[in-house]
Amino acid sequence: MEIRLALPTDLASVQGIEEASDQVFASVMDVSLWGSAPTGQERATEPGFLLVAAEGDEVVGFAHVVDVDGPGGPAHLEQIAVLPDRSRRGVGSVLLEQACRYAAERGFAQVTLRTFRDVPWNAPFYAGHGFVVMADEPDWMGPLRAAEERIGLPRNGVRVAMVRPLT
């Protein structure tokens, strides 16, 4: 498996990977209100970086990290997704570690994220990789919380912000 920055040819795979990955949540919550995932092209135009996990020519997962406030500030893990038939094989862990390494190399002081507190492959997974729940969420997360509320995420469980220092 290769972890690398997304190539233009990888972008067509990103939306399908996320939507397939989201279906895993259907066993523990109502995902019907979530709507379509952003396209790979939409993700690639945001400030930050998009890493993919590729097995040969097939993209099997991705990590999207958004540049919140430039180097020295936080990098925000907006999404990490792996095809369900490739899950539980360490792909997500490798993507997460490479995303943190890549952010650190670019001068970011920390990586933040928002996730479900009680879903085993969410907050507990990230805690196992050095993330801790933030006592106070920064103001810049306000629009993220509002977007989560619009699609009903809080109705499906408690959402938390987490952070991992990189220095």
N, C-alpha and C. Protein backbone atom coordinates (compact mmCIF):
# COMPACT_ATOMS: atom_id res chain seq x y z
N MET A 1 0.85 -1.17 0.00
CA MET A 1 0.00 0.00 0.00
C MET A 1 0.89 1.24 0.00
N GLU A 2 0.50 2.20 -0.79
CA GLU A 2 1.23 3.46 -0.89
C GLU A 2 0.36 4.59 -0.33
N ILE A 3 0.94 5.44 0.51
CA ILE A 3 0.27 6.64 1.00
C ILE A 3 0.97 7.81 0.31
N ARG A 4 0.18 8.66 -0.37
CA ARG A 4 0.76 9.77 -1.12
C ARG A 4 -0.26 10.89 -1.26
N LEU A 5 0.24 12.05 -1.67
CA LEU A 5 -0.67 13.13 -1.99
C LEU A 5 -1.54 12.69 -3.16
N ALA A 6 -2.80 13.10 -3.12
CA ALA A 6 -3.73 12.71 -4.19
C ALA A 6 -3.29 13.30 -5.52
N LEU A 7 -3.40 12.49 -6.54
CA LEU A 7 -3.16 12.92 -7.91
C LEU A 7 -4.49 13.29 -8.54
N PRO A 8 -4.47 14.10 -9.59
CA PRO A 8 -5.74 14.43 -10.25
C PRO A 8 -6.56 13.19 -10.63
N THR A 9 -5.89 12.12 -11.00
CA THR A 9 -6.60 10.90 -11.38
C THR A 9 -7.24 10.18 -10.19
N ASP A 10 -6.84 10.52 -8.96
CA ASP A 10 -7.40 9.90 -7.75
C ASP A 10 -8.71 10.54 -7.32
N LEU A 11 -8.93 11.78 -7.73
CA LEU A 11 -10.03 12.57 -7.19
C LEU A 11 -11.40 11.96 -7.45
N ALA A 12 -11.57 11.26 -8.56
CA ALA A 12 -12.87 10.66 -8.87
C ALA A 12 -13.26 9.57 -7.88
N SER A 13 -12.31 9.00 -7.17
CA SER A 13 -12.57 7.92 -6.22
C SER A 13 -13.01 8.40 -4.84
N VAL A 14 -12.66 9.63 -4.49
CA VAL A 14 -12.80 10.11 -3.11
C VAL A 14 -14.25 10.10 -2.62
N GLN A 15 -15.16 10.65 -3.38
CA GLN A 15 -16.56 10.73 -2.94
C GLN A 15 -17.14 9.34 -2.70
N GLY A 16 -16.90 8.42 -3.60
CA GLY A 16 -17.42 7.07 -3.44
C GLY A 16 -16.86 6.36 -2.23
N ILE A 17 -15.59 6.59 -1.94
CA ILE A 17 -14.97 5.99 -0.75
C ILE A 17 -15.65 6.50 0.50
N GLU A 18 -15.86 7.82 0.57
CA GLU A 18 -16.50 8.38 1.76
C GLU A 18 -17.93 7.88 1.91
N GLU A 19 -18.68 7.86 0.83
CA GLU A 19 -20.08 7.41 0.93
C GLU A 19 -20.17 5.94 1.31
N ALA A 20 -19.27 5.11 0.80
CA ALA A 20 -19.26 3.70 1.20
C ALA A 20 -18.86 3.57 2.67
N SER A 21 -17.87 4.34 3.08
CA SER A 21 -17.42 4.32 4.47
C SER A 21 -18.51 4.79 5.42
N ASP A 22 -19.27 5.80 5.00
CA ASP A 22 -20.36 6.30 5.85
C ASP A 22 -21.41 5.23 6.14
N GLN A 23 -21.58 4.29 5.24
CA GLN A 23 -22.61 3.26 5.44
C GLN A 23 -22.29 2.36 6.63
N VAL A 24 -21.05 2.31 7.05
CA VAL A 24 -20.68 1.54 8.24
C VAL A 24 -21.40 2.12 9.46
N PHE A 25 -21.63 3.45 9.46
CA PHE A 25 -22.32 4.10 10.57
C PHE A 25 -23.79 3.70 10.65
N ALA A 26 -24.35 3.20 9.56
CA ALA A 26 -25.78 2.84 9.54
C ALA A 26 -26.11 1.77 10.58
N SER A 27 -25.11 1.03 11.04
CA SER A 27 -25.37 0.02 12.06
C SER A 27 -25.56 0.63 13.45
N VAL A 28 -25.15 1.89 13.62
CA VAL A 28 -25.25 2.51 14.94
C VAL A 28 -26.02 3.83 14.94
N MET A 29 -26.42 4.33 13.76
CA MET A 29 -27.14 5.61 13.71
C MET A 29 -27.84 5.79 12.37
N ASP A 30 -28.66 6.82 12.28
CA ASP A 30 -29.39 7.16 11.06
C ASP A 30 -28.50 8.04 10.19
N VAL A 31 -28.06 7.52 9.06
CA VAL A 31 -27.20 8.28 8.15
C VAL A 31 -27.98 8.85 6.97
N SER A 32 -29.29 8.70 6.98
CA SER A 32 -30.10 9.10 5.83
C SER A 32 -30.09 10.60 5.57
N LEU A 33 -29.81 11.41 6.60
CA LEU A 33 -29.82 12.86 6.43
C LEU A 33 -28.48 13.44 6.01
N TRP A 34 -27.45 12.64 5.95
CA TRP A 34 -26.11 13.15 5.72
C TRP A 34 -25.93 13.74 4.32
N GLY A 35 -26.66 13.23 3.35
CA GLY A 35 -26.52 13.74 1.99
C GLY A 35 -25.24 13.24 1.31
N SER A 36 -24.97 13.80 0.17
CA SER A 36 -23.80 13.39 -0.61
C SER A 36 -22.52 13.94 0.00
N ALA A 37 -21.49 13.15 -0.07
CA ALA A 37 -20.17 13.58 0.37
C ALA A 37 -19.59 14.55 -0.65
N PRO A 38 -18.67 15.41 -0.23
CA PRO A 38 -18.00 16.29 -1.19
C PRO A 38 -17.23 15.46 -2.22
N THR A 39 -17.09 16.01 -3.39
CA THR A 39 -16.31 15.33 -4.43
C THR A 39 -14.82 15.47 -4.12
N GLY A 40 -14.03 14.66 -4.74
CA GLY A 40 -12.58 14.78 -4.60
C GLY A 40 -12.09 16.12 -5.10
N GLN A 41 -12.67 16.61 -6.18
CA GLN A 41 -12.28 17.91 -6.72
C GLN A 41 -12.58 19.02 -5.72
N GLU A 42 -13.75 18.95 -5.06
CA GLU A 42 -14.08 19.95 -4.05
C GLU A 42 -13.08 19.92 -2.90
N ARG A 43 -12.74 18.73 -2.46
CA ARG A 43 -11.77 18.61 -1.37
C ARG A 43 -10.40 19.13 -1.79
N ALA A 44 -10.00 18.84 -3.02
CA ALA A 44 -8.67 19.24 -3.49
C ALA A 44 -8.52 20.75 -3.62
N THR A 45 -9.63 21.47 -3.75
CA THR A 45 -9.53 22.93 -3.89
C THR A 45 -9.46 23.65 -2.55
N GLU A 46 -9.70 22.96 -1.45
CA GLU A 46 -9.62 23.58 -0.14
C GLU A 46 -8.16 23.70 0.29
N PRO A 47 -7.84 24.73 1.09
CA PRO A 47 -6.46 24.84 1.59
C PRO A 47 -6.15 23.65 2.50
N GLY A 48 -5.00 23.08 2.33
CA GLY A 48 -4.61 21.92 3.11
C GLY A 48 -4.06 20.84 2.18
N PHE A 49 -4.33 19.59 2.52
CA PHE A 49 -3.84 18.50 1.67
C PHE A 49 -4.76 17.30 1.74
N LEU A 50 -4.68 16.50 0.69
CA LEU A 50 -5.48 15.29 0.55
C LEU A 50 -4.53 14.14 0.28
N LEU A 51 -4.45 13.21 1.23
CA LEU A 51 -3.63 12.01 1.07
C LEU A 51 -4.52 10.85 0.66
N VAL A 52 -3.99 9.96 -0.14
CA VAL A 52 -4.72 8.75 -0.49
C VAL A 52 -3.89 7.52 -0.13
N ALA A 53 -4.61 6.44 0.15
CA ALA A 53 -4.01 5.12 0.31
C ALA A 53 -4.35 4.36 -0.96
N ALA A 54 -3.32 3.91 -1.66
CA ALA A 54 -3.52 3.22 -2.94
C ALA A 54 -2.89 1.84 -2.90
N GLU A 55 -3.64 0.90 -3.44
CA GLU A 55 -3.13 -0.46 -3.64
C GLU A 55 -3.08 -0.65 -5.15
N GLY A 56 -1.89 -0.55 -5.69
CA GLY A 56 -1.77 -0.56 -7.14
C GLY A 56 -2.43 0.68 -7.70
N ASP A 57 -3.33 0.51 -8.64
CA ASP A 57 -4.04 1.64 -9.24
C ASP A 57 -5.32 2.00 -8.51
N GLU A 58 -5.67 1.24 -7.47
CA GLU A 58 -6.94 1.47 -6.77
C GLU A 58 -6.74 2.30 -5.50
N VAL A 59 -7.50 3.39 -5.39
CA VAL A 59 -7.52 4.19 -4.17
C VAL A 59 -8.50 3.53 -3.22
N VAL A 60 -8.03 3.20 -2.01
CA VAL A 60 -8.86 2.48 -1.05
C VAL A 60 -9.20 3.31 0.18
N GLY A 61 -8.60 4.49 0.30
CA GLY A 61 -8.88 5.35 1.43
C GLY A 61 -8.26 6.71 1.23
N PHE A 62 -8.67 7.67 2.07
CA PHE A 62 -8.08 9.00 1.99
C PHE A 62 -8.16 9.69 3.34
N ALA A 63 -7.32 10.70 3.51
CA ALA A 63 -7.35 11.60 4.66
C ALA A 63 -7.32 13.02 4.10
N HIS A 64 -8.27 13.84 4.52
CA HIS A 64 -8.35 15.23 4.08
C HIS A 64 -8.07 16.13 5.28
N VAL A 65 -7.01 16.91 5.17
CA VAL A 65 -6.60 17.81 6.25
C VAL A 65 -6.71 19.24 5.74
N VAL A 66 -7.42 20.07 6.49
CA VAL A 66 -7.65 21.46 6.10
C VAL A 66 -6.72 22.36 6.89
N ASP A 67 -6.12 23.31 6.20
CA ASP A 67 -5.26 24.32 6.80
C ASP A 67 -6.17 25.40 7.39
N VAL A 68 -6.26 25.43 8.71
CA VAL A 68 -7.18 26.34 9.39
C VAL A 68 -6.60 27.76 9.48
N ASP A 69 -5.34 27.87 9.84
CA ASP A 69 -4.79 29.19 10.12
C ASP A 69 -3.32 29.29 9.73
N GLY A 70 -2.88 28.51 8.76
CA GLY A 70 -1.49 28.57 8.31
C GLY A 70 -0.55 27.80 9.22
N PRO A 71 0.69 27.57 8.77
CA PRO A 71 1.68 26.85 9.59
C PRO A 71 1.84 27.50 10.95
N GLY A 72 2.04 26.68 11.96
CA GLY A 72 2.13 27.14 13.33
C GLY A 72 0.79 27.02 14.05
N GLY A 73 -0.29 27.02 13.29
CA GLY A 73 -1.62 26.86 13.86
C GLY A 73 -2.04 25.40 13.74
N PRO A 74 -3.33 25.16 13.91
CA PRO A 74 -3.79 23.77 13.79
C PRO A 74 -4.05 23.38 12.33
N ALA A 75 -3.83 22.14 12.06
CA ALA A 75 -4.32 21.51 10.83
C ALA A 75 -5.55 20.72 11.29
N HIS A 76 -6.61 20.74 10.52
CA HIS A 76 -7.84 20.08 10.95
C HIS A 76 -8.12 18.87 10.06
N LEU A 77 -8.18 17.69 10.67
CA LEU A 77 -8.53 16.47 9.95
C LEU A 77 -10.02 16.51 9.67
N GLU A 78 -10.37 16.89 8.47
CA GLU A 78 -11.77 17.05 8.10
C GLU A 78 -12.42 15.69 7.86
N GLN A 79 -11.67 14.75 7.29
CA GLN A 79 -12.25 13.44 7.01
C GLN A 79 -11.15 12.41 6.83
N ILE A 80 -11.43 11.23 7.30
CA ILE A 80 -10.62 10.06 6.97
C ILE A 80 -11.62 8.96 6.63
N ALA A 81 -11.41 8.30 5.52
CA ALA A 81 -12.36 7.27 5.08
C ALA A 81 -11.61 6.15 4.38
N VAL A 82 -12.08 4.94 4.61
CA VAL A 82 -11.50 3.74 4.00
C VAL A 82 -12.65 2.89 3.47
N LEU A 83 -12.45 2.29 2.32
CA LEU A 83 -13.47 1.38 1.79
C LEU A 83 -13.77 0.30 2.82
N PRO A 84 -15.05 -0.02 3.03
CA PRO A 84 -15.40 -1.02 4.06
C PRO A 84 -14.70 -2.37 3.87
N ASP A 85 -14.50 -2.79 2.63
CA ASP A 85 -13.84 -4.10 2.44
C ASP A 85 -12.34 -4.05 2.70
N ARG A 86 -11.80 -2.86 2.97
CA ARG A 86 -10.38 -2.71 3.34
C ARG A 86 -10.22 -2.28 4.79
N SER A 87 -11.35 -2.09 5.49
CA SER A 87 -11.26 -1.62 6.87
C SER A 87 -10.77 -2.73 7.80
N ARG A 88 -10.33 -2.30 8.97
CA ARG A 88 -9.81 -3.20 10.00
C ARG A 88 -8.55 -3.93 9.57
N ARG A 89 -7.80 -3.27 8.67
CA ARG A 89 -6.51 -3.81 8.21
C ARG A 89 -5.38 -2.81 8.42
N GLY A 90 -5.66 -1.74 9.16
CA GLY A 90 -4.63 -0.75 9.46
C GLY A 90 -4.52 0.40 8.47
N VAL A 91 -5.36 0.42 7.45
CA VAL A 91 -5.28 1.49 6.45
C VAL A 91 -5.57 2.84 7.09
N GLY A 92 -6.63 2.92 7.90
CA GLY A 92 -6.97 4.18 8.57
C GLY A 92 -5.86 4.64 9.50
N SER A 93 -5.27 3.71 10.23
CA SER A 93 -4.17 4.08 11.13
C SER A 93 -2.98 4.64 10.38
N VAL A 94 -2.63 4.00 9.28
CA VAL A 94 -1.50 4.48 8.48
C VAL A 94 -1.82 5.85 7.88
N LEU A 95 -3.03 6.02 7.36
CA LEU A 95 -3.42 7.33 6.83
C LEU A 95 -3.34 8.40 7.91
N LEU A 96 -3.85 8.10 9.09
CA LEU A 96 -3.84 9.07 10.18
C LEU A 96 -2.41 9.45 10.57
N GLU A 97 -1.56 8.47 10.74
CA GLU A 97 -0.17 8.76 11.13
C GLU A 97 0.56 9.55 10.04
N GLN A 98 0.32 9.19 8.78
CA GLN A 98 0.97 9.93 7.69
C GLN A 98 0.43 11.35 7.60
N ALA A 99 -0.86 11.54 7.84
CA ALA A 99 -1.43 12.89 7.83
C ALA A 99 -0.79 13.74 8.93
N CYS A 100 -0.61 13.18 10.11
CA CYS A 100 0.03 13.91 11.20
C CYS A 100 1.49 14.22 10.87
N ARG A 101 2.20 13.25 10.31
CA ARG A 101 3.60 13.47 9.93
C ARG A 101 3.70 14.57 8.88
N TYR A 102 2.85 14.50 7.88
CA TYR A 102 2.85 15.47 6.80
C TYR A 102 2.54 16.87 7.33
N ALA A 103 1.57 16.98 8.25
CA ALA A 103 1.24 18.28 8.85
C ALA A 103 2.43 18.82 9.65
N ALA A 104 3.08 17.95 10.42
CA ALA A 104 4.24 18.38 11.21
C ALA A 104 5.37 18.88 10.30
N GLU A 105 5.61 18.18 9.20
CA GLU A 105 6.66 18.60 8.27
C GLU A 105 6.38 19.96 7.67
N ARG A 106 5.11 20.34 7.61
CA ARG A 106 4.73 21.63 7.04
C ARG A 106 4.60 22.72 8.11
N GLY A 107 5.01 22.41 9.33
CA GLY A 107 5.07 23.41 10.37
C GLY A 107 3.83 23.57 11.23
N PHE A 108 2.86 22.68 11.09
CA PHE A 108 1.66 22.78 11.92
C PHE A 108 1.99 22.31 13.34
N ALA A 109 1.42 22.98 14.33
CA ALA A 109 1.69 22.68 15.73
C ALA A 109 0.82 21.55 16.26
N GLN A 110 -0.35 21.36 15.64
CA GLN A 110 -1.28 20.34 16.13
C GLN A 110 -2.25 19.95 15.03
N VAL A 111 -2.89 18.81 15.23
CA VAL A 111 -3.98 18.38 14.35
C VAL A 111 -5.23 18.29 15.22
N THR A 112 -6.32 18.86 14.73
CA THR A 112 -7.60 18.79 15.42
C THR A 112 -8.57 17.98 14.58
N LEU A 113 -9.68 17.59 15.19
CA LEU A 113 -10.75 16.90 14.48
C LEU A 113 -12.01 16.98 15.31
N ARG A 114 -13.13 16.65 14.70
CA ARG A 114 -14.41 16.50 15.40
C ARG A 114 -14.92 15.10 15.07
N THR A 115 -15.49 14.44 16.08
CA THR A 115 -15.89 13.06 15.90
C THR A 115 -16.95 12.66 16.92
N PHE A 116 -17.49 11.46 16.76
CA PHE A 116 -18.44 10.92 17.73
C PHE A 116 -17.68 10.36 18.94
N ARG A 117 -18.11 10.77 20.12
CA ARG A 117 -17.44 10.34 21.35
C ARG A 117 -17.54 8.84 21.59
N ASP A 118 -18.71 8.25 21.30
CA ASP A 118 -18.96 6.88 21.74
C ASP A 118 -18.95 5.83 20.64
N VAL A 119 -18.64 6.20 19.43
CA VAL A 119 -18.54 5.22 18.35
C VAL A 119 -17.12 4.63 18.40
N PRO A 120 -16.98 3.31 18.56
CA PRO A 120 -15.66 2.71 18.78
C PRO A 120 -14.60 3.06 17.75
N TRP A 121 -14.98 3.23 16.50
CA TRP A 121 -13.99 3.56 15.48
C TRP A 121 -13.85 5.06 15.28
N ASN A 122 -14.34 5.84 16.23
CA ASN A 122 -14.20 7.29 16.22
C ASN A 122 -13.32 7.73 17.40
N ALA A 123 -13.86 8.42 18.39
CA ALA A 123 -13.03 8.98 19.47
C ALA A 123 -12.09 7.95 20.10
N PRO A 124 -12.54 6.73 20.42
CA PRO A 124 -11.60 5.77 21.00
C PRO A 124 -10.43 5.43 20.05
N PHE A 125 -10.71 5.36 18.76
CA PHE A 125 -9.65 5.11 17.76
C PHE A 125 -8.63 6.25 17.79
N TYR A 126 -9.13 7.49 17.75
CA TYR A 126 -8.22 8.64 17.74
C TYR A 126 -7.45 8.75 19.05
N ALA A 127 -8.08 8.45 20.17
CA ALA A 127 -7.39 8.48 21.47
C ALA A 127 -6.21 7.50 21.46
N GLY A 128 -6.38 6.37 20.80
CA GLY A 128 -5.30 5.40 20.69
C GLY A 128 -4.14 5.90 19.83
N HIS A 129 -4.35 7.00 19.14
CA HIS A 129 -3.30 7.60 18.30
C HIS A 129 -2.86 8.96 18.85
N GLY A 130 -3.06 9.18 20.13
CA GLY A 130 -2.53 10.37 20.78
C GLY A 130 -3.42 11.59 20.80
N PHE A 131 -4.66 11.48 20.34
CA PHE A 131 -5.58 12.61 20.39
C PHE A 131 -6.28 12.63 21.75
N VAL A 132 -6.55 13.84 22.23
CA VAL A 132 -7.30 14.01 23.49
C VAL A 132 -8.47 14.95 23.24
N VAL A 133 -9.54 14.75 24.01
CA VAL A 133 -10.71 15.61 23.90
C VAL A 133 -10.35 17.00 24.39
N MET A 134 -10.74 18.01 23.63
CA MET A 134 -10.48 19.40 23.98
C MET A 134 -11.51 19.85 25.02
N ALA A 135 -11.05 20.44 26.11
CA ALA A 135 -11.96 20.96 27.14
C ALA A 135 -12.76 22.13 26.58
N ASP A 136 -12.09 23.00 25.85
CA ASP A 136 -12.74 24.16 25.24
C ASP A 136 -12.46 24.15 23.75
N GLU A 137 -13.51 24.20 22.96
CA GLU A 137 -13.34 24.22 21.51
C GLU A 137 -13.02 25.64 21.05
N PRO A 138 -12.11 25.78 20.10
CA PRO A 138 -11.78 27.12 19.59
C PRO A 138 -12.96 27.72 18.82
N ASP A 139 -13.00 29.02 18.76
CA ASP A 139 -14.08 29.72 18.08
C ASP A 139 -14.21 29.31 16.61
N TRP A 140 -13.08 29.04 15.95
CA TRP A 140 -13.15 28.71 14.52
C TRP A 140 -13.91 27.41 14.25
N MET A 141 -14.17 26.61 15.28
CA MET A 141 -14.95 25.38 15.09
C MET A 141 -16.46 25.66 15.05
N GLY A 142 -16.87 26.87 15.36
CA GLY A 142 -18.30 27.21 15.36
C GLY A 142 -19.00 26.84 14.05
N PRO A 143 -18.47 27.23 12.89
CA PRO A 143 -19.12 26.84 11.63
C PRO A 143 -19.15 25.32 11.42
N LEU A 144 -18.17 24.60 11.94
CA LEU A 144 -18.18 23.14 11.82
C LEU A 144 -19.32 22.55 12.64
N ARG A 145 -19.48 23.06 13.86
CA ARG A 145 -20.59 22.59 14.71
C ARG A 145 -21.93 22.89 14.04
N ALA A 146 -22.06 24.09 13.47
CA ALA A 146 -23.31 24.47 12.80
C ALA A 146 -23.61 23.55 11.62
N ALA A 147 -22.59 23.21 10.85
CA ALA A 147 -22.78 22.29 9.71
C ALA A 147 -23.20 20.91 10.21
N GLU A 148 -22.62 20.45 11.31
CA GLU A 148 -22.99 19.16 11.89
C GLU A 148 -24.46 19.18 12.34
N GLU A 149 -24.87 20.28 12.91
CA GLU A 149 -26.26 20.40 13.37
C GLU A 149 -27.24 20.41 12.19
N ARG A 150 -26.85 21.06 11.08
CA ARG A 150 -27.73 21.11 9.91
C ARG A 150 -28.03 19.72 9.35
N ILE A 151 -27.04 18.82 9.43
CA ILE A 151 -27.29 17.48 8.88
C ILE A 151 -27.66 16.47 9.96
N GLY A 152 -27.85 16.93 11.18
CA GLY A 152 -28.37 16.07 12.23
C GLY A 152 -27.37 15.19 12.95
N LEU A 153 -26.07 15.46 12.83
CA LEU A 153 -25.10 14.61 13.51
C LEU A 153 -25.31 14.53 15.01
N PRO A 154 -25.58 15.64 15.72
CA PRO A 154 -25.75 15.54 17.18
C PRO A 154 -26.93 14.66 17.61
N ARG A 155 -27.91 14.46 16.74
CA ARG A 155 -29.02 13.56 17.09
C ARG A 155 -28.56 12.11 17.16
N ASN A 156 -27.42 11.82 16.56
CA ASN A 156 -26.92 10.46 16.51
C ASN A 156 -25.89 10.14 17.58
N GLY A 157 -25.53 11.11 18.39
CA GLY A 157 -24.56 10.87 19.44
C GLY A 157 -23.78 12.12 19.77
N VAL A 158 -23.07 12.07 20.88
CA VAL A 158 -22.29 13.22 21.35
C VAL A 158 -21.08 13.41 20.44
N ARG A 159 -20.90 14.66 20.00
CA ARG A 159 -19.74 15.04 19.18
C ARG A 159 -18.71 15.71 20.07
N VAL A 160 -17.45 15.42 19.82
CA VAL A 160 -16.37 16.04 20.58
C VAL A 160 -15.30 16.53 19.62
N ALA A 161 -14.56 17.53 20.10
CA ALA A 161 -13.38 18.01 19.38
C ALA A 161 -12.17 17.37 20.06
N MET A 162 -11.21 16.98 19.25
CA MET A 162 -10.00 16.35 19.78
C MET A 162 -8.79 17.04 19.17
N VAL A 163 -7.65 16.92 19.84
CA VAL A 163 -6.43 17.55 19.36
C VAL A 163 -5.24 16.62 19.64
N ARG A 164 -4.25 16.70 18.76
CA ARG A 164 -2.99 15.98 18.95
C ARG A 164 -1.86 16.96 18.68
N PRO A 165 -1.05 17.25 19.70
CA PRO A 165 0.11 18.11 19.47
C PRO A 165 1.11 17.42 18.54
N LEU A 166 1.76 18.22 17.72
CA LEU A 166 2.73 17.65 16.77
C LEU A 166 4.17 18.00 17.12
N THR A 167 4.38 18.89 18.09
CA THR A 167 5.74 19.30 18.42
C THR A 167 6.16 18.73 19.75
